[in-house]
């Protein structure tokens, strides 16, 4: 059986639902997620900030797409004045 390309895994079931649940749990503990900001842009398998803020440490300007889809958030995003979006209401 041929392996799916990495991107296809993110949008097919059951993986898409699993990632959605991981983000939901992350919102409960972390609040604001990089995933929820409209300034977070995807290029290949990486996510960068359209406003130019570093997402992973002082030098790394991007994060892996999979980590963002899982609900990982950048410390920069948590207090960013340019954050363009609000986390979804956690039910």
PDB file of N, CA and C in Angstrom:
ATOM      1  N   UNK A   1       0.841  -1.177   0.000  1.00  0.00           N
ATOM      2  CA  UNK A   1       0.000   0.000   0.000  1.00  0.00           C
ATOM      3  C   UNK A   1       0.888   1.243   0.000  1.00  0.00           C
ATOM      4  N   UNK A   2       0.566   2.165  -0.891  1.00  0.00           N
ATOM      5  CA  UNK A   2       1.346   3.388  -1.018  1.00  0.00           C
ATOM      6  C   UNK A   2       0.995   4.366   0.102  1.00  0.00           C
ATOM      7  N   UNK A   3       2.009   4.962   0.709  1.00  0.00           N
ATOM      8  CA  UNK A   3       1.788   5.928   1.792  1.00  0.00           C
ATOM      9  C   UNK A   3       1.203   7.215   1.221  1.00  0.00           C
ATOM     10  N   UNK A   4       0.312   7.850   1.985  1.00  0.00           N
ATOM     11  CA  UNK A   4      -0.282   9.119   1.567  1.00  0.00           C
ATOM     12  C   UNK A   4       0.760  10.216   1.702  1.00  0.00           C
ATOM     13  N   UNK A   5       0.716  11.208   0.794  1.00  0.00           N
ATOM     14  CA  UNK A   5       1.580  12.376   0.995  1.00  0.00           C
ATOM     15  C   UNK A   5       1.246  13.017   2.339  1.00  0.00           C
ATOM     16  N   UNK A   6       2.218  13.635   2.958  1.00  0.00           N
ATOM     17  CA  UNK A   6       2.043  14.193   4.294  1.00  0.00           C
ATOM     18  C   UNK A   6       0.829  15.120   4.379  1.00  0.00           C
ATOM     19  N   UNK A   7       0.632  15.993   3.404  1.00  0.00           N
ATOM     20  CA  UNK A   7      -0.474  16.939   3.437  1.00  0.00           C
ATOM     21  C   UNK A   7      -1.829  16.241   3.413  1.00  0.00           C
ATOM     22  N   UNK A   8      -1.984  15.177   2.649  1.00  0.00           N
ATOM     23  CA  UNK A   8      -3.258  14.487   2.553  1.00  0.00           C
ATOM     24  C   UNK A   8      -3.701  13.925   3.892  1.00  0.00           C
ATOM     25  N   UNK A   9      -2.772  13.553   4.719  1.00  0.00           N
ATOM     26  CA  UNK A   9      -3.079  12.982   6.025  1.00  0.00           C
ATOM     27  C   UNK A   9      -3.845  13.991   6.880  1.00  0.00           C
ATOM     28  N   UNK A  10      -3.552  15.265   6.742  1.00  0.00           N
ATOM     29  CA  UNK A  10      -4.166  16.292   7.571  1.00  0.00           C
ATOM     30  C   UNK A  10      -5.657  16.461   7.298  1.00  0.00           C
ATOM     31  N   UNK A  11      -6.111  16.078   6.113  1.00  0.00           N
ATOM     32  CA  UNK A  11      -7.479  16.387   5.699  1.00  0.00           C
ATOM     33  C   UNK A  11      -8.350  15.164   5.461  1.00  0.00           C
ATOM     34  N   UNK A  12      -7.872  13.990   5.817  1.00  0.00           N
ATOM     35  CA  UNK A  12      -8.657  12.773   5.647  1.00  0.00           C
ATOM     36  C   UNK A  12      -8.966  12.182   7.012  1.00  0.00           C
ATOM     37  N   UNK A  13     -10.076  11.499   7.077  1.00  0.00           N
ATOM     38  CA  UNK A  13     -10.478  10.859   8.326  1.00  0.00           C
ATOM     39  C   UNK A  13      -9.735   9.541   8.499  1.00  0.00           C
ATOM     40  N   UNK A  14      -9.425   9.141   9.674  1.00  0.00           N
ATOM     41  CA  UNK A  14      -9.781   9.738  10.973  1.00  0.00           C
ATOM     42  C   UNK A  14      -8.771  10.768  11.457  1.00  0.00           C
ATOM     43  N   UNK A  15      -7.712  10.985  10.692  1.00  0.00           N
ATOM     44  CA  UNK A  15      -6.646  11.892  11.141  1.00  0.00           C
ATOM     45  C   UNK A  15      -7.118  13.333  11.318  1.00  0.00           C
ATOM     46  N   UNK A  16      -7.977  13.817  10.415  1.00  0.00           N
ATOM     47  CA  UNK A  16      -8.461  15.197  10.517  1.00  0.00           C
ATOM     48  C   UNK A  16      -9.227  15.406  11.827  1.00  0.00           C
ATOM     49  N   UNK A  17     -10.058  14.461  12.197  1.00  0.00           N
ATOM     50  CA  UNK A  17     -10.818  14.575  13.453  1.00  0.00           C
ATOM     51  C   UNK A  17      -9.908  14.493  14.666  1.00  0.00           C
ATOM     52  N   UNK A  18      -8.894  13.664  14.595  1.00  0.00           N
ATOM     53  CA  UNK A  18      -7.945  13.532  15.709  1.00  0.00           C
ATOM     54  C   UNK A  18      -7.197  14.851  15.924  1.00  0.00           C
ATOM     55  N   UNK A  19      -6.753  15.476  14.826  1.00  0.00           N
ATOM     56  CA  UNK A  19      -6.047  16.754  14.941  1.00  0.00           C
ATOM     57  C   UNK A  19      -6.974  17.847  15.473  1.00  0.00           C
ATOM     58  N   UNK A  20      -8.230  17.830  15.048  1.00  0.00           N
ATOM     59  CA  UNK A  20      -9.200  18.801  15.533  1.00  0.00           C
ATOM     60  C   UNK A  20      -9.397  18.650  17.039  1.00  0.00           C
ATOM     61  N   UNK A  21      -9.461  17.418  17.501  1.00  0.00           N
ATOM     62  CA  UNK A  21      -9.607  17.175  18.941  1.00  0.00           C
ATOM     63  C   UNK A  21      -8.366  17.633  19.709  1.00  0.00           C
ATOM     64  N   UNK A  22      -7.188  17.417  19.151  1.00  0.00           N
ATOM     65  CA  UNK A  22      -5.954  17.865  19.809  1.00  0.00           C
ATOM     66  C   UNK A  22      -5.945  19.384  19.936  1.00  0.00           C
ATOM     67  N   UNK A  23      -6.411  20.097  18.892  1.00  0.00           N
ATOM     68  CA  UNK A  23      -6.478  21.562  18.974  1.00  0.00           C
ATOM     69  C   UNK A  23      -7.490  21.997  20.025  1.00  0.00           C
ATOM     70  N   UNK A  24      -8.612  21.337  20.088  1.00  0.00           N
ATOM     71  CA  UNK A  24      -9.639  21.666  21.071  1.00  0.00           C
ATOM     72  C   UNK A  24      -9.075  21.531  22.496  1.00  0.00           C
ATOM     73  N   UNK A  25      -8.381  20.440  22.769  1.00  0.00           N
ATOM     74  CA  UNK A  25      -7.770  20.239  24.086  1.00  0.00           C
ATOM     75  C   UNK A  25      -6.714  21.301  24.371  1.00  0.00           C
ATOM     76  N   UNK A  26      -5.940  21.669  23.336  1.00  0.00           N
ATOM     77  CA  UNK A  26      -4.901  22.685  23.516  1.00  0.00           C
ATOM     78  C   UNK A  26      -5.511  24.038  23.854  1.00  0.00           C
ATOM     79  N   UNK A  27      -6.653  24.371  23.254  1.00  0.00           N
ATOM     80  CA  UNK A  27      -7.316  25.639  23.560  1.00  0.00           C
ATOM     81  C   UNK A  27      -7.743  25.705  25.021  1.00  0.00           C
ATOM     82  N   UNK A  28      -8.121  24.566  25.576  1.00  0.00           N
ATOM     83  CA  UNK A  28      -8.544  24.539  26.981  1.00  0.00           C
ATOM     84  C   UNK A  28      -7.402  24.889  27.924  1.00  0.00           C
ATOM     85  N   UNK A  29      -6.181  24.512  27.566  1.00  0.00           N
ATOM     86  CA  UNK A  29      -5.044  24.764  28.453  1.00  0.00           C
ATOM     87  C   UNK A  29      -4.203  25.964  28.032  1.00  0.00           C
ATOM     88  N   UNK A  30      -4.101  26.214  26.717  1.00  0.00           N
ATOM     89  CA  UNK A  30      -3.215  27.269  26.229  1.00  0.00           C
ATOM     90  C   UNK A  30      -3.943  28.535  25.819  1.00  0.00           C
ATOM     91  N   UNK A  31      -5.245  28.422  25.535  1.00  0.00           N
ATOM     92  CA  UNK A  31      -5.996  29.592  25.075  1.00  0.00           C
ATOM     93  C   UNK A  31      -5.717  29.887  23.611  1.00  0.00           C
ATOM     94  N   UNK A  32      -4.989  30.928  23.348  1.00  0.00           N
ATOM     95  CA  UNK A  32      -4.702  31.392  21.998  1.00  0.00           C
ATOM     96  C   UNK A  32      -3.741  30.435  21.290  1.00  0.00           C
ATOM     97  N   UNK A  33      -4.125  29.988  20.096  1.00  0.00           N
ATOM     98  CA  UNK A  33      -3.284  29.080  19.315  1.00  0.00           C
ATOM     99  C   UNK A  33      -2.781  29.757  18.048  1.00  0.00           C
ATOM    100  N   UNK A  34      -1.593  29.388  17.619  1.00  0.00           N
ATOM    101  CA  UNK A  34      -1.068  29.866  16.344  1.00  0.00           C
ATOM    102  C   UNK A  34      -2.048  29.520  15.231  1.00  0.00           C
ATOM    103  N   UNK A  35      -2.678  28.365  15.307  1.00  0.00           N
ATOM    104  CA  UNK A  35      -3.640  27.909  14.311  1.00  0.00           C
ATOM    105  C   UNK A  35      -4.788  28.907  14.116  1.00  0.00           C
ATOM    106  N   UNK A  36      -5.172  29.633  15.161  1.00  0.00           N
ATOM    107  CA  UNK A  36      -6.313  30.529  15.118  1.00  0.00           C
ATOM    108  C   UNK A  36      -6.006  31.914  14.558  1.00  0.00           C
ATOM    109  N   UNK A  37      -4.770  32.212  14.281  1.00  0.00           N
ATOM    110  CA  UNK A  37      -4.392  33.534  13.789  1.00  0.00           C
ATOM    111  C   UNK A  37      -4.389  33.563  12.261  1.00  0.00           C
ATOM    112  N   UNK A  38      -5.055  34.576  11.708  1.00  0.00           N
ATOM    113  CA  UNK A  38      -5.103  34.711  10.254  1.00  0.00           C
ATOM    114  C   UNK A  38      -3.766  35.159   9.664  1.00  0.00           C
ATOM    115  N   UNK A  39      -2.830  35.569  10.501  1.00  0.00           N
ATOM    116  CA  UNK A  39      -1.500  35.933  10.018  1.00  0.00           C
ATOM    117  C   UNK A  39      -0.593  34.716   9.847  1.00  0.00           C
ATOM    118  N   UNK A  40      -1.020  33.559  10.347  1.00  0.00           N
ATOM    119  CA  UNK A  40      -0.254  32.314  10.186  1.00  0.00           C
ATOM    120  C   UNK A  40      -0.479  31.798   8.767  1.00  0.00           C
ATOM    121  N   UNK A  41       0.581  31.705   8.001  1.00  0.00           N
ATOM    122  CA  UNK A  41       0.498  31.293   6.592  1.00  0.00           C
ATOM    123  C   UNK A  41       1.296  30.008   6.375  1.00  0.00           C
ATOM    124  N   UNK A  42       0.764  29.148   5.528  1.00  0.00           N
ATOM    125  CA  UNK A  42       1.396  27.862   5.229  1.00  0.00           C
ATOM    126  C   UNK A  42       2.202  27.967   3.950  1.00  0.00           C
ATOM    127  N   UNK A  43       3.415  27.443   4.020  1.00  0.00           N
ATOM    128  CA  UNK A  43       4.268  27.328   2.826  1.00  0.00           C
ATOM    129  C   UNK A  43       4.909  25.951   2.898  1.00  0.00           C
ATOM    130  N   UNK A  44       4.445  25.058   2.036  1.00  0.00           N
ATOM    131  CA  UNK A  44       4.931  23.682   2.084  1.00  0.00           C
ATOM    132  C   UNK A  44       4.460  23.014   3.356  1.00  0.00           C
ATOM    133  N   UNK A  45       5.384  22.497   4.134  1.00  0.00           N
ATOM    134  CA  UNK A  45       5.013  21.858   5.401  1.00  0.00           C
ATOM    135  C   UNK A  45       5.421  22.718   6.598  1.00  0.00           C
ATOM    136  N   UNK A  46       5.550  24.021   6.362  1.00  0.00           N
ATOM    137  CA  UNK A  46       5.934  24.956   7.417  1.00  0.00           C
ATOM    138  C   UNK A  46       4.904  26.078   7.531  1.00  0.00           C
ATOM    139  N   UNK A  47       4.805  26.676   8.711  1.00  0.00           N
ATOM    140  CA  UNK A  47       3.909  27.806   8.962  1.00  0.00           C
ATOM    141  C   UNK A  47       4.771  28.979   9.394  1.00  0.00           C
ATOM    142  N   UNK A  48       4.524  30.144   8.809  1.00  0.00           N
ATOM    143  CA  UNK A  48       5.251  31.351   9.214  1.00  0.00           C
ATOM    144  C   UNK A  48       4.248  32.467   9.498  1.00  0.00           C
ATOM    145  N   UNK A  49       4.708  33.501  10.166  1.00  0.00           N
ATOM    146  CA  UNK A  49       3.869  34.645  10.494  1.00  0.00           C
ATOM    147  C   UNK A  49       3.976  35.670   9.381  1.00  0.00           C
ATOM    148  N   UNK A  50       2.825  36.059   8.831  1.00  0.00           N
ATOM    149  CA  UNK A  50       2.769  37.043   7.763  1.00  0.00           C
ATOM    150  C   UNK A  50       3.228  38.424   8.240  1.00  0.00           C
ATOM    151  N   UNK A  51       3.216  38.634   9.548  1.00  0.00           N
ATOM    152  CA  UNK A  51       3.649  39.914  10.133  1.00  0.00           C
ATOM    153  C   UNK A  51       5.145  39.919  10.437  1.00  0.00           C
ATOM    154  N   UNK A  52       5.813  38.775  10.234  1.00  0.00           N
ATOM    155  CA  UNK A  52       7.255  38.698  10.422  1.00  0.00           C
ATOM    156  C   UNK A  52       7.724  38.285  11.806  1.00  0.00           C
ATOM    157  N   UNK A  53       6.817  37.926  12.685  1.00  0.00           N
ATOM    158  CA  UNK A  53       7.219  37.513  14.032  1.00  0.00           C
ATOM    159  C   UNK A  53       7.809  36.105  13.999  1.00  0.00           C
ATOM    160  N   UNK A  54       8.864  35.861  14.777  1.00  0.00           N
ATOM    161  CA  UNK A  54       9.413  34.507  14.851  1.00  0.00           C
ATOM    162  C   UNK A  54       8.437  33.593  15.576  1.00  0.00           C
ATOM    163  N   UNK A  55       8.298  32.381  15.094  1.00  0.00           N
ATOM    164  CA  UNK A  55       7.357  31.459  15.710  1.00  0.00           C
ATOM    165  C   UNK A  55       8.013  30.413  16.592  1.00  0.00           C
ATOM    166  N   UNK A  56       9.312  30.255  16.478  1.00  0.00           N
ATOM    167  CA  UNK A  56       9.961  29.210  17.263  1.00  0.00           C
ATOM    168  C   UNK A  56      11.341  29.692  17.667  1.00  0.00           C
ATOM    169  N   UNK A  57      11.422  30.300  18.811  1.00  0.00           N
ATOM    170  CA  UNK A  57      12.701  30.810  19.285  1.00  0.00           C
ATOM    171  C   UNK A  57      13.048  32.138  18.651  1.00  0.00           C
ATOM    172  N   UNK A  58      14.236  32.616  18.911  1.00  0.00           N
ATOM    173  CA  UNK A  58      14.641  33.929  18.412  1.00  0.00           C
ATOM    174  C   UNK A  58      15.030  33.909  16.937  1.00  0.00           C
ATOM    175  N   UNK A  59      15.524  32.778  16.459  1.00  0.00           N
ATOM    176  CA  UNK A  59      15.996  32.738  15.077  1.00  0.00           C
ATOM    177  C   UNK A  59      15.060  32.018  14.118  1.00  0.00           C
ATOM    178  N   UNK A  60      14.329  31.055  14.610  1.00  0.00           N
ATOM    179  CA  UNK A  60      13.463  30.272  13.725  1.00  0.00           C
ATOM    180  C   UNK A  60      12.183  31.051  13.443  1.00  0.00           C
ATOM    181  N   UNK A  61      11.947  31.346  12.189  1.00  0.00           N
ATOM    182  CA  UNK A  61      10.802  32.167  11.826  1.00  0.00           C
ATOM    183  C   UNK A  61       9.554  31.337  11.537  1.00  0.00           C
ATOM    184  N   UNK A  62       9.686  30.017  11.569  1.00  0.00           N
ATOM    185  CA  UNK A  62       8.526  29.197  11.244  1.00  0.00           C
ATOM    186  C   UNK A  62       8.428  27.972  12.143  1.00  0.00           C
ATOM    187  N   UNK A  63       7.299  27.272  12.017  1.00  0.00           N
ATOM    188  CA  UNK A  63       7.038  26.034  12.768  1.00  0.00           C
ATOM    189  C   UNK A  63       6.546  24.987  11.776  1.00  0.00           C
ATOM    190  N   UNK A  64       6.597  23.747  12.168  1.00  0.00           N
ATOM    191  CA  UNK A  64       6.082  22.711  11.282  1.00  0.00           C
ATOM    192  C   UNK A  64       4.561  22.793  11.236  1.00  0.00           C
ATOM    193  N   UNK A  65       4.009  22.520  10.074  1.00  0.00           N
ATOM    194  CA  UNK A  65       2.563  22.541   9.893  1.00  0.00           C
ATOM    195  C   UNK A  65       1.889  21.541  10.819  1.00  0.00           C
ATOM    196  N   UNK A  66       2.451  20.352  10.929  1.00  0.00           N
ATOM    197  CA  UNK A  66       1.845  19.334  11.774  1.00  0.00           C
ATOM    198  C   UNK A  66       1.774  19.783  13.232  1.00  0.00           C
ATOM    199  N   UNK A  67       2.797  20.445  13.732  1.00  0.00           N
ATOM    200  CA  UNK A  67       2.757  20.892  15.131  1.00  0.00           C
ATOM    201  C   UNK A  67       1.678  21.964  15.331  1.00  0.00           C
ATOM    202  N   UNK A  68       1.487  22.836  14.356  1.00  0.00           N
ATOM    203  CA  UNK A  68       0.434  23.852  14.454  1.00  0.00           C
ATOM    204  C   UNK A  68      -0.939  23.194  14.398  1.00  0.00           C
ATOM    205  N   UNK A  69      -1.099  22.198  13.514  1.00  0.00           N
ATOM    206  CA  UNK A  69      -2.378  21.496  13.410  1.00  0.00           C
ATOM    207  C   UNK A  69      -2.695  20.710  14.677  1.00  0.00           C
ATOM    208  N   UNK A  70      -1.675  20.308  15.408  1.00  0.00           N
ATOM    209  CA  UNK A  70      -1.876  19.576  16.661  1.00  0.00           C
ATOM    210  C   UNK A  70      -2.187  20.499  17.831  1.00  0.00           C
ATOM    211  N   UNK A  71      -2.084  21.797  17.625  1.00  0.00           N
ATOM    212  CA  UNK A  71      -2.425  22.741  18.682  1.00  0.00           C
ATOM    213  C   UNK A  71      -1.237  23.362  19.377  1.00  0.00           C
ATOM    214  N   UNK A  72      -0.048  23.128  18.866  1.00  0.00           N
ATOM    215  CA  UNK A  72       1.119  23.780  19.462  1.00  0.00           C
ATOM    216  C   UNK A  72       1.033  25.262  19.147  1.00  0.00           C
ATOM    217  N   UNK A  73       1.449  26.076  20.078  1.00  0.00           N
ATOM    218  CA  UNK A  73       1.401  27.512  19.857  1.00  0.00           C
ATOM    219  C   UNK A  73       2.756  28.137  20.170  1.00  0.00           C
ATOM    220  N   UNK A  74       3.050  29.193  19.472  1.00  0.00           N
ATOM    221  CA  UNK A  74       4.289  29.929  19.699  1.00  0.00           C
ATOM    222  C   UNK A  74       4.107  30.849  20.895  1.00  0.00           C
ATOM    223  N   UNK A  75       5.137  30.988  21.687  1.00  0.00           N
ATOM    224  CA  UNK A  75       5.092  31.911  22.819  1.00  0.00           C
ATOM    225  C   UNK A  75       4.863  33.324  22.305  1.00  0.00           C
ATOM    226  N   UNK A  76       5.356  33.608  21.127  1.00  0.00           N
ATOM    227  CA  UNK A  76       5.161  34.925  20.517  1.00  0.00           C
ATOM    228  C   UNK A  76       3.685  35.183  20.238  1.00  0.00           C
ATOM    229  N   UNK A  77       2.962  34.167  19.814  1.00  0.00           N
ATOM    230  CA  UNK A  77       1.535  34.322  19.493  1.00  0.00           C
ATOM    231  C   UNK A  77       0.692  34.614  20.730  1.00  0.00           C
ATOM    232  N   UNK A  78       1.092  34.072  21.867  1.00  0.00           N
ATOM    233  CA  UNK A  78       0.294  34.222  23.088  1.00  0.00           C
ATOM    234  C   UNK A  78       0.122  35.680  23.502  1.00  0.00           C
ATOM    235  N   UNK A  79       1.129  36.497  23.313  1.00  0.00           N
ATOM    236  CA  UNK A  79       1.038  37.897  23.717  1.00  0.00           C
ATOM    237  C   UNK A  79       1.171  38.866  22.557  1.00  0.00           C
ATOM    238  N   UNK A  80       0.969  38.393  21.347  1.00  0.00           N
ATOM    239  CA  UNK A  80       1.207  39.212  20.157  1.00  0.00           C
ATOM    240  C   UNK A  80       0.143  40.299  19.976  1.00  0.00           C
ATOM    241  N   UNK A  81       0.569  41.550  19.828  1.00  0.00           N
ATOM    242  CA  UNK A  81      -0.393  42.622  19.588  1.00  0.00           C
ATOM    243  C   UNK A  81      -0.984  42.558  18.175  1.00  0.00           C
ATOM    244  N   UNK A  82      -0.331  41.825  17.290  1.00  0.00           N
ATOM    245  CA  UNK A  82      -0.808  41.696  15.907  1.00  0.00           C
ATOM    246  C   UNK A  82      -1.652  40.443  15.689  1.00  0.00           C
ATOM    247  N   UNK A  83      -1.950  39.708  16.760  1.00  0.00           N
ATOM    248  CA  UNK A  83      -2.753  38.485  16.623  1.00  0.00           C
ATOM    249  C   UNK A  83      -4.067  38.829  15.934  1.00  0.00           C
ATOM    250  N   UNK A  84      -4.339  38.162  14.835  1.00  0.00           N
ATOM    251  CA  UNK A  84      -5.500  38.470  13.999  1.00  0.00           C
ATOM    252  C   UNK A  84      -6.485  37.316  14.041  1.00  0.00           C
ATOM    253  N   UNK A  85      -7.222  37.228  15.094  1.00  0.00           N
ATOM    254  CA  UNK A  85      -8.187  36.158  15.247  1.00  0.00           C
ATOM    255  C   UNK A  85      -8.398  35.895  16.719  1.00  0.00           C
ATOM    256  N   UNK A  86      -9.439  35.197  17.013  1.00  0.00           N
ATOM    257  CA  UNK A  86      -9.733  34.826  18.392  1.00  0.00           C
ATOM    258  C   UNK A  86      -9.909  33.321  18.459  1.00  0.00           C
ATOM    259  N   UNK A  87      -9.494  32.718  19.557  1.00  0.00           N
ATOM    260  CA  UNK A  87      -9.727  31.280  19.688  1.00  0.00           C
ATOM    261  C   UNK A  87     -11.226  31.004  19.694  1.00  0.00           C
ATOM    262  N   UNK A  88     -11.575  29.854  19.179  1.00  0.00           N
ATOM    263  CA  UNK A  88     -12.977  29.454  19.204  1.00  0.00           C
ATOM    264  C   UNK A  88     -13.408  29.228  20.632  1.00  0.00           C
ATOM    265  N   UNK A  89     -14.667  29.430  20.887  1.00  0.00           N
ATOM    266  CA  UNK A  89     -15.194  29.210  22.235  1.00  0.00           C
ATOM    267  C   UNK A  89     -15.086  27.728  22.574  1.00  0.00           C
ATOM    268  N   UNK A  90     -14.513  27.431  23.704  1.00  0.00           N
ATOM    269  CA  UNK A  90     -14.360  26.042  24.144  1.00  0.00           C
ATOM    270  C   UNK A  90     -15.647  25.640  24.850  1.00  0.00           C
ATOM    271  N   UNK A  91     -16.257  24.590  24.343  1.00  0.00           N
ATOM    272  CA  UNK A  91     -17.533  24.106  24.896  1.00  0.00           C
ATOM    273  C   UNK A  91     -17.304  22.881  25.743  1.00  0.00           C
TER     274      UNK A  91
END
